[in-house]
PDB file of N, CA and C in Angstrom:
ATOM      1  N   MET A   1       4.923  71.937  16.511  1.00  0.00           N
ATOM      2  CA  MET A   1       4.377  71.798  15.491  1.00  0.00           C
ATOM      3  C   MET A   1       5.298  71.008  14.513  1.00  0.00           C
ATOM      4  N   ALA A   2       4.955  72.323  13.602  1.00  0.00           N
ATOM      5  CA  ALA A   2       5.818  72.411  12.754  1.00  0.00           C
ATOM      6  C   ALA A   2       7.660  72.475  12.641  1.00  0.00           C
ATOM      7  N   LYS A   3       8.165  72.814  13.779  1.00  0.00           N
ATOM      8  CA  LYS A   3       9.351  72.074  14.208  1.00  0.00           C
ATOM      9  C   LYS A   3       9.710  70.533  13.864  1.00  0.00           C
ATOM     10  N   PHE A   4       8.845  69.917  14.560  1.00  0.00           N
ATOM     11  CA  PHE A   4       8.849  68.787  14.820  1.00  0.00           C
ATOM     12  C   PHE A   4       8.382  67.837  13.365  1.00  0.00           C
ATOM     13  N   LEU A   5       7.900  68.219  12.650  1.00  0.00           N
ATOM     14  CA  LEU A   5       7.479  67.554  11.119  1.00  0.00           C
ATOM     15  C   LEU A   5       8.414  67.856  10.623  1.00  0.00           C
ATOM     16  N   ILE A   6       9.387  68.834  10.567  1.00  0.00           N
ATOM     17  CA  ILE A   6      10.972  69.345   9.748  1.00  0.00           C
ATOM     18  C   ILE A   6      11.915  68.621  10.359  1.00  0.00           C
ATOM     19  N   ILE A   7      11.891  68.301  11.868  1.00  0.00           N
ATOM     20  CA  ILE A   7      13.070  67.306  12.031  1.00  0.00           C
ATOM     21  C   ILE A   7      12.965  65.616  12.173  1.00  0.00           C
ATOM     22  N   ALA A   8      11.388  65.100  11.958  1.00  0.00           N
ATOM     23  CA  ALA A   8      10.677  64.060  11.143  1.00  0.00           C
ATOM     24  C   ALA A   8      11.322  64.183  10.102  1.00  0.00           C
ATOM     25  N   GLY A   9      11.003  64.776   8.664  1.00  0.00           N
ATOM     26  CA  GLY A   9      11.049  64.777   7.560  1.00  0.00           C
ATOM     27  C   GLY A   9      12.957  64.674   7.300  1.00  0.00           C
ATOM     28  N   LEU A  10      13.324  65.360   8.171  1.00  0.00           N
ATOM     29  CA  LEU A  10      14.979  65.068   7.957  1.00  0.00           C
ATOM     30  C   LEU A  10      15.723  64.251   8.813  1.00  0.00           C
ATOM     31  N   VAL A  11      14.986  63.450   9.245  1.00  0.00           N
ATOM     32  CA  VAL A  11      15.542  61.588  10.334  1.00  0.00           C
ATOM     33  C   VAL A  11      15.009  60.847   8.775  1.00  0.00           C
ATOM     34  N   MET A  12      13.773  61.167   8.854  1.00  0.00           N
ATOM     35  CA  MET A  12      13.662  60.069   7.391  1.00  0.00           C
ATOM     36  C   MET A  12      14.348  60.487   6.102  1.00  0.00           C
ATOM     37  N   VAL A  13      15.075  61.313   5.853  1.00  0.00           N
ATOM     38  CA  VAL A  13      15.727  61.957   4.565  1.00  0.00           C
ATOM     39  C   VAL A  13      17.350  60.732   4.896  1.00  0.00           C
ATOM     40  N   GLY A  14      17.614  61.526   6.263  1.00  0.00           N
ATOM     41  CA  GLY A  14      18.310  60.711   6.490  1.00  0.00           C
ATOM     42  C   GLY A  14      18.366  59.133   6.747  1.00  0.00           C
ATOM     43  N   LEU A  15      17.979  58.322   7.173  1.00  0.00           N
ATOM     44  CA  LEU A  15      17.568  56.907   7.315  1.00  0.00           C
ATOM     45  C   LEU A  15      17.475  56.066   5.962  1.00  0.00           C
ATOM     46  N   GLY A  16      17.170  56.919   5.348  1.00  0.00           N
ATOM     47  CA  GLY A  16      16.810  56.528   3.296  1.00  0.00           C
ATOM     48  C   GLY A  16      18.449  57.051   3.252  1.00  0.00           C
ATOM     49  N   LEU A  17      18.916  57.777   3.311  1.00  0.00           N
ATOM     50  CA  LEU A  17      20.395  57.663   2.661  1.00  0.00           C
ATOM     51  C   LEU A  17      21.363  57.234   3.409  1.00  0.00           C
ATOM     52  N   LEU A  18      21.207  56.585   4.545  1.00  0.00           N
ATOM     53  CA  LEU A  18      21.560  55.587   4.887  1.00  0.00           C
ATOM     54  C   LEU A  18      21.158  53.966   4.589  1.00  0.00           C
ATOM     55  N   TRP A  19      20.045  53.777   4.389  1.00  0.00           N
ATOM     56  CA  TRP A  19      19.947  52.649   3.938  1.00  0.00           C
ATOM     57  C   TRP A  19      20.483  52.259   2.148  1.00  0.00           C
ATOM     58  N   MET A  20      20.220  53.349   1.552  1.00  0.00           N
ATOM     59  CA  MET A  20      20.730  53.515   0.276  1.00  0.00           C
ATOM     60  C   MET A  20      22.336  52.305   0.175  1.00  0.00           C
ATOM     61  N   VAL A  21      23.156  53.386   1.195  1.00  0.00           N
ATOM     62  CA  VAL A  21      24.532  53.338   1.474  1.00  0.00           C
ATOM     63  C   VAL A  21      24.819  51.723   1.895  1.00  0.00           C
ATOM     64  N   GLY A  22      24.030  51.695   2.845  1.00  0.00           N
ATOM     65  CA  GLY A  22      23.677  49.713   3.170  1.00  0.00           C
ATOM     66  C   GLY A  22      23.651  49.092   2.439  1.00  0.00           C
ATOM     67  N   GLU A  23      22.890  49.197   1.281  1.00  0.00           N
ATOM     68  CA  GLU A  23      21.809  48.452   0.008  1.00  0.00           C
ATOM     69  C   GLU A  23      23.854  47.693  -0.271  1.00  0.00           C
ATOM     70  N   ARG A  24      24.564  48.945  -0.727  1.00  0.00           N
ATOM     71  CA  ARG A  24      25.926  49.107  -1.368  1.00  0.00           C
ATOM     72  C   ARG A  24      26.825  47.814  -0.727  1.00  0.00           C
ATOM     73  N   PHE A  25      26.736  47.946   1.186  1.00  0.00           N
ATOM     74  CA  PHE A  25      27.513  46.937   1.774  1.00  0.00           C
ATOM     75  C   PHE A  25      26.824  45.352   1.908  1.00  0.00           C
ATOM     76  N   GLY A  26      25.660  45.242   1.104  1.00  0.00           N
ATOM     77  CA  GLY A  26      24.832  43.931   1.378  1.00  0.00           C
ATOM     78  C   GLY A  26      23.601  44.284   2.290  1.00  0.00           C
ATOM     79  N   LEU A  27      23.150  45.161   3.204  1.00  0.00           N
ATOM     80  CA  LEU A  27      22.624  44.735   3.631  1.00  0.00           C
ATOM     81  C   LEU A  27      21.251  45.033   2.832  1.00  0.00           C
ATOM     82  N   GLY A  28      20.019  44.546   3.393  1.00  0.00           N
ATOM     83  CA  GLY A  28      19.065  43.965   2.875  1.00  0.00           C
ATOM     84  C   GLY A  28      18.575  42.760   1.901  1.00  0.00           C
ATOM     85  N   ARG A  29      19.794  42.253   1.807  1.00  0.00           N
ATOM     86  CA  ARG A  29      19.976  41.270   0.882  1.00  0.00           C
ATOM     87  C   ARG A  29      21.037  39.525   1.512  1.00  0.00           C
ATOM     88  N   LEU A  30      20.386  39.872   2.992  1.00  0.00           N
ATOM     89  CA  LEU A  30      21.242  38.673   3.408  1.00  0.00           C
ATOM     90  C   LEU A  30      20.957  37.267   3.552  1.00  0.00           C
ATOM     91  N   PRO A  31      21.189  36.343   3.519  1.00  0.00           N
ATOM     92  CA  PRO A  31      20.729  35.126   3.948  1.00  0.00           C
ATOM     93  C   PRO A  31      19.109  34.830   4.526  1.00  0.00           C
ATOM     94  N   GLY A  32      19.265  35.463   5.917  1.00  0.00           N
ATOM     95  CA  GLY A  32      18.110  35.163   6.797  1.00  0.00           C
ATOM     96  C   GLY A  32      16.844  35.865   6.249  1.00  0.00           C
ATOM     97  N   ASP A  33      17.181  36.643   5.019  1.00  0.00           N
ATOM     98  CA  ASP A  33      15.821  37.932   4.521  1.00  0.00           C
ATOM     99  C   ASP A  33      15.494  37.086   3.955  1.00  0.00           C
ATOM    100  N   ILE A  34      13.679  37.215   4.074  1.00  0.00           N
ATOM    101  CA  ILE A  34      12.800  36.459   3.468  1.00  0.00           C
ATOM    102  C   ILE A  34      12.526  36.746   2.341  1.00  0.00           C
ATOM    103  N   VAL A  35      12.239  36.406   1.448  1.00  0.00           N
ATOM    104  CA  VAL A  35      11.701  36.832  -0.109  1.00  0.00           C
ATOM    105  C   VAL A  35      10.954  35.610  -0.775  1.00  0.00           C
ATOM    106  N   VAL A  36       9.386  36.174  -1.072  1.00  0.00           N
ATOM    107  CA  VAL A  36       8.818  35.121  -2.022  1.00  0.00           C
ATOM    108  C   VAL A  36       8.000  35.377  -3.184  1.00  0.00           C
ATOM    109  N   GLU A  37       8.347  35.114  -4.477  1.00  0.00           N
ATOM    110  CA  GLU A  37       7.734  35.656  -5.206  1.00  0.00           C
ATOM    111  C   GLU A  37       6.983  34.827  -6.164  1.00  0.00           C
ATOM    112  N   ARG A  38       5.622  35.271  -6.463  1.00  0.00           N
ATOM    113  CA  ARG A  38       4.629  34.420  -6.923  1.00  0.00           C
ATOM    114  C   ARG A  38       4.254  35.021  -8.111  1.00  0.00           C
ATOM    115  N   GLY A  39       4.018  35.004  -9.496  1.00  0.00           N
ATOM    116  CA  GLY A  39       4.001  35.758 -10.583  1.00  0.00           C
ATOM    117  C   GLY A  39       3.874  36.928 -10.660  1.00  0.00           C
ATOM    118  N   ASN A  40       2.975  37.474 -10.220  1.00  0.00           N
ATOM    119  CA  ASN A  40       2.901  39.356  -9.576  1.00  0.00           C
ATOM    120  C   ASN A  40       2.857  40.090  -8.620  1.00  0.00           C
ATOM    121  N   PHE A  41       2.684  38.927  -7.290  1.00  0.00           N
ATOM    122  CA  PHE A  41       3.226  39.363  -6.816  1.00  0.00           C
ATOM    123  C   PHE A  41       4.727  38.635  -5.885  1.00  0.00           C
ATOM    124  N   LYS A  42       5.408  39.609  -5.319  1.00  0.00           N
ATOM    125  CA  LYS A  42       6.856  40.022  -4.662  1.00  0.00           C
ATOM    126  C   LYS A  42       6.464  40.146  -2.672  1.00  0.00           C
ATOM    127  N   PHE A  43       6.392  39.424  -2.275  1.00  0.00           N
ATOM    128  CA  PHE A  43       6.460  39.656  -0.575  1.00  0.00           C
ATOM    129  C   PHE A  43       8.336  39.801  -0.050  1.00  0.00           C
ATOM    130  N   TYR A  44       8.633  40.641   0.795  1.00  0.00           N
ATOM    131  CA  TYR A  44      10.210  40.785   0.997  1.00  0.00           C
ATOM    132  C   TYR A  44       9.925  41.140   2.712  1.00  0.00           C
ATOM    133  N   PHE A  45      10.313  40.485   3.587  1.00  0.00           N
ATOM    134  CA  PHE A  45      10.739  40.665   5.056  1.00  0.00           C
ATOM    135  C   PHE A  45      12.294  40.469   5.443  1.00  0.00           C
ATOM    136  N   PRO A  46      13.092  41.350   5.610  1.00  0.00           N
ATOM    137  CA  PRO A  46      13.743  41.568   5.456  1.00  0.00           C
ATOM    138  C   PRO A  46      14.686  41.170   7.217  1.00  0.00           C
ATOM    139  N   LEU A  47      14.474  40.179   7.790  1.00  0.00           N
ATOM    140  CA  LEU A  47      14.467  39.315   8.751  1.00  0.00           C
ATOM    141  C   LEU A  47      15.340  39.816   9.396  1.00  0.00           C
ATOM    142  N   ALA A  48      17.036  39.023   8.723  1.00  0.00           N
ATOM    143  CA  ALA A  48      18.300  38.896   9.180  1.00  0.00           C
ATOM    144  C   ALA A  48      18.440  40.497   9.427  1.00  0.00           C
ATOM    145  N   THR A  49      18.521  41.225   8.420  1.00  0.00           N
ATOM    146  CA  THR A  49      18.968  42.401   8.152  1.00  0.00           C
ATOM    147  C   THR A  49      18.656  43.375   9.569  1.00  0.00           C
ATOM    148  N   SER A  50      17.230  43.351   9.816  1.00  0.00           N
ATOM    149  CA  SER A  50      16.383  44.090  10.864  1.00  0.00           C
ATOM    150  C   SER A  50      16.937  43.741  12.956  1.00  0.00           C
ATOM    151  N   LEU A  51      17.592  42.331  12.221  1.00  0.00           N
ATOM    152  CA  LEU A  51      18.172  41.926  13.564  1.00  0.00           C
ATOM    153  C   LEU A  51      19.470  42.885  13.577  1.00  0.00           C
ATOM    154  N   ILE A  52      20.084  42.811  12.341  1.00  0.00           N
ATOM    155  CA  ILE A  52      21.304  43.257  12.829  1.00  0.00           C
ATOM    156  C   ILE A  52      21.316  44.755  13.176  1.00  0.00           C
ATOM    157  N   LEU A  53      20.593  45.084  12.250  1.00  0.00           N
ATOM    158  CA  LEU A  53      20.621  46.300  12.232  1.00  0.00           C
ATOM    159  C   LEU A  53      20.028  46.893  14.098  1.00  0.00           C
ATOM    160  N   SER A  54      18.931  46.066  14.649  1.00  0.00           N
ATOM    161  CA  SER A  54      18.922  46.345  16.274  1.00  0.00           C
ATOM    162  C   SER A  54      19.887  46.240  16.824  1.00  0.00           C
ATOM    163  N   VAL A  55      20.726  44.744  16.804  1.00  0.00           N
ATOM    164  CA  VAL A  55      21.865  45.380  17.424  1.00  0.00           C
ATOM    165  C   VAL A  55      22.863  46.000  17.698  1.00  0.00           C
ATOM    166  N   VAL A  56      23.179  46.623  16.329  1.00  0.00           N
ATOM    167  CA  VAL A  56      23.887  47.945  16.281  1.00  0.00           C
ATOM    168  C   VAL A  56      23.390  49.341  16.754  1.00  0.00           C
ATOM    169  N   ILE A  57      22.466  48.987  16.483  1.00  0.00           N
ATOM    170  CA  ILE A  57      21.836  50.042  17.260  1.00  0.00           C
ATOM    171  C   ILE A  57      21.406  50.445  18.446  1.00  0.00           C
ATOM    172  N   SER A  58      21.329  49.179  19.089  1.00  0.00           N
ATOM    173  CA  SER A  58      21.509  49.139  20.858  1.00  0.00           C
ATOM    174  C   SER A  58      22.825  49.432  21.722  1.00  0.00           C
ATOM    175  N   LEU A  59      23.631  48.585  20.620  1.00  0.00           N
ATOM    176  CA  LEU A  59      24.983  48.791  20.800  1.00  0.00           C
ATOM    177  C   LEU A  59      25.251  50.282  21.131  1.00  0.00           C
ATOM    178  N   LEU A  60      24.977  51.130  19.861  1.00  0.00           N
ATOM    179  CA  LEU A  60      25.307  52.449  20.076  1.00  0.00           C
ATOM    180  C   LEU A  60      24.842  53.586  21.022  1.00  0.00           C
ATOM    181  N   LEU A  61      23.530  52.845  21.255  1.00  0.00           N
ATOM    182  CA  LEU A  61      22.592  53.920  22.502  1.00  0.00           C
ATOM    183  C   LEU A  61      23.084  53.508  23.625  1.00  0.00           C
ATOM    184  N   TRP A  62      24.126  51.905  23.895  1.00  0.00           N
ATOM    185  CA  TRP A  62      24.649  51.751  25.311  1.00  0.00           C
ATOM    186  C   TRP A  62      25.514  52.566  25.341  1.00  0.00           C
ATOM    187  N   LEU A  63      26.325  52.486  24.275  1.00  0.00           N
ATOM    188  CA  LEU A  63      27.776  53.037  23.955  1.00  0.00           C
ATOM    189  C   LEU A  63      27.618  54.924  24.851  1.00  0.00           C
ATOM    190  N   PHE A  64      26.916  55.365  24.110  1.00  0.00           N
ATOM    191  CA  PHE A  64      26.304  57.053  24.415  1.00  0.00           C
ATOM    192  C   PHE A  64      25.853  57.205  25.487  1.00  0.00           C
ATOM    193  N   ASN A  65      25.188  56.444  25.587  1.00  0.00           N
ATOM    194  CA  ASN A  65      24.298  56.410  27.494  1.00  0.00           C
ATOM    195  C   ASN A  65      25.009  56.358  28.971  1.00  0.00           C
ATOM    196  N   ARG A  66      26.370  55.528  28.346  1.00  0.00           N
ATOM    197  CA  ARG A  66      27.403  55.488  29.474  1.00  0.00           C
ATOM    198  C   ARG A  66      27.903  56.467  30.047  1.00  0.00           C
TER     199      ARG A  66
END
């Protein structure tokens, strides 16, 4: 269990670093991302970003499994 938690933590740190790098290239603020701001409330749903990441990850997994 300890090894799993350490690996899960490292994976999350790696994903966070990748997300920060992706923001520099425009990921997270694409035209299809939904942002609603009303007063003190802000709702952000990265629809286009999620779709692009899903396609990229699917292609990478497809290439590695060949």
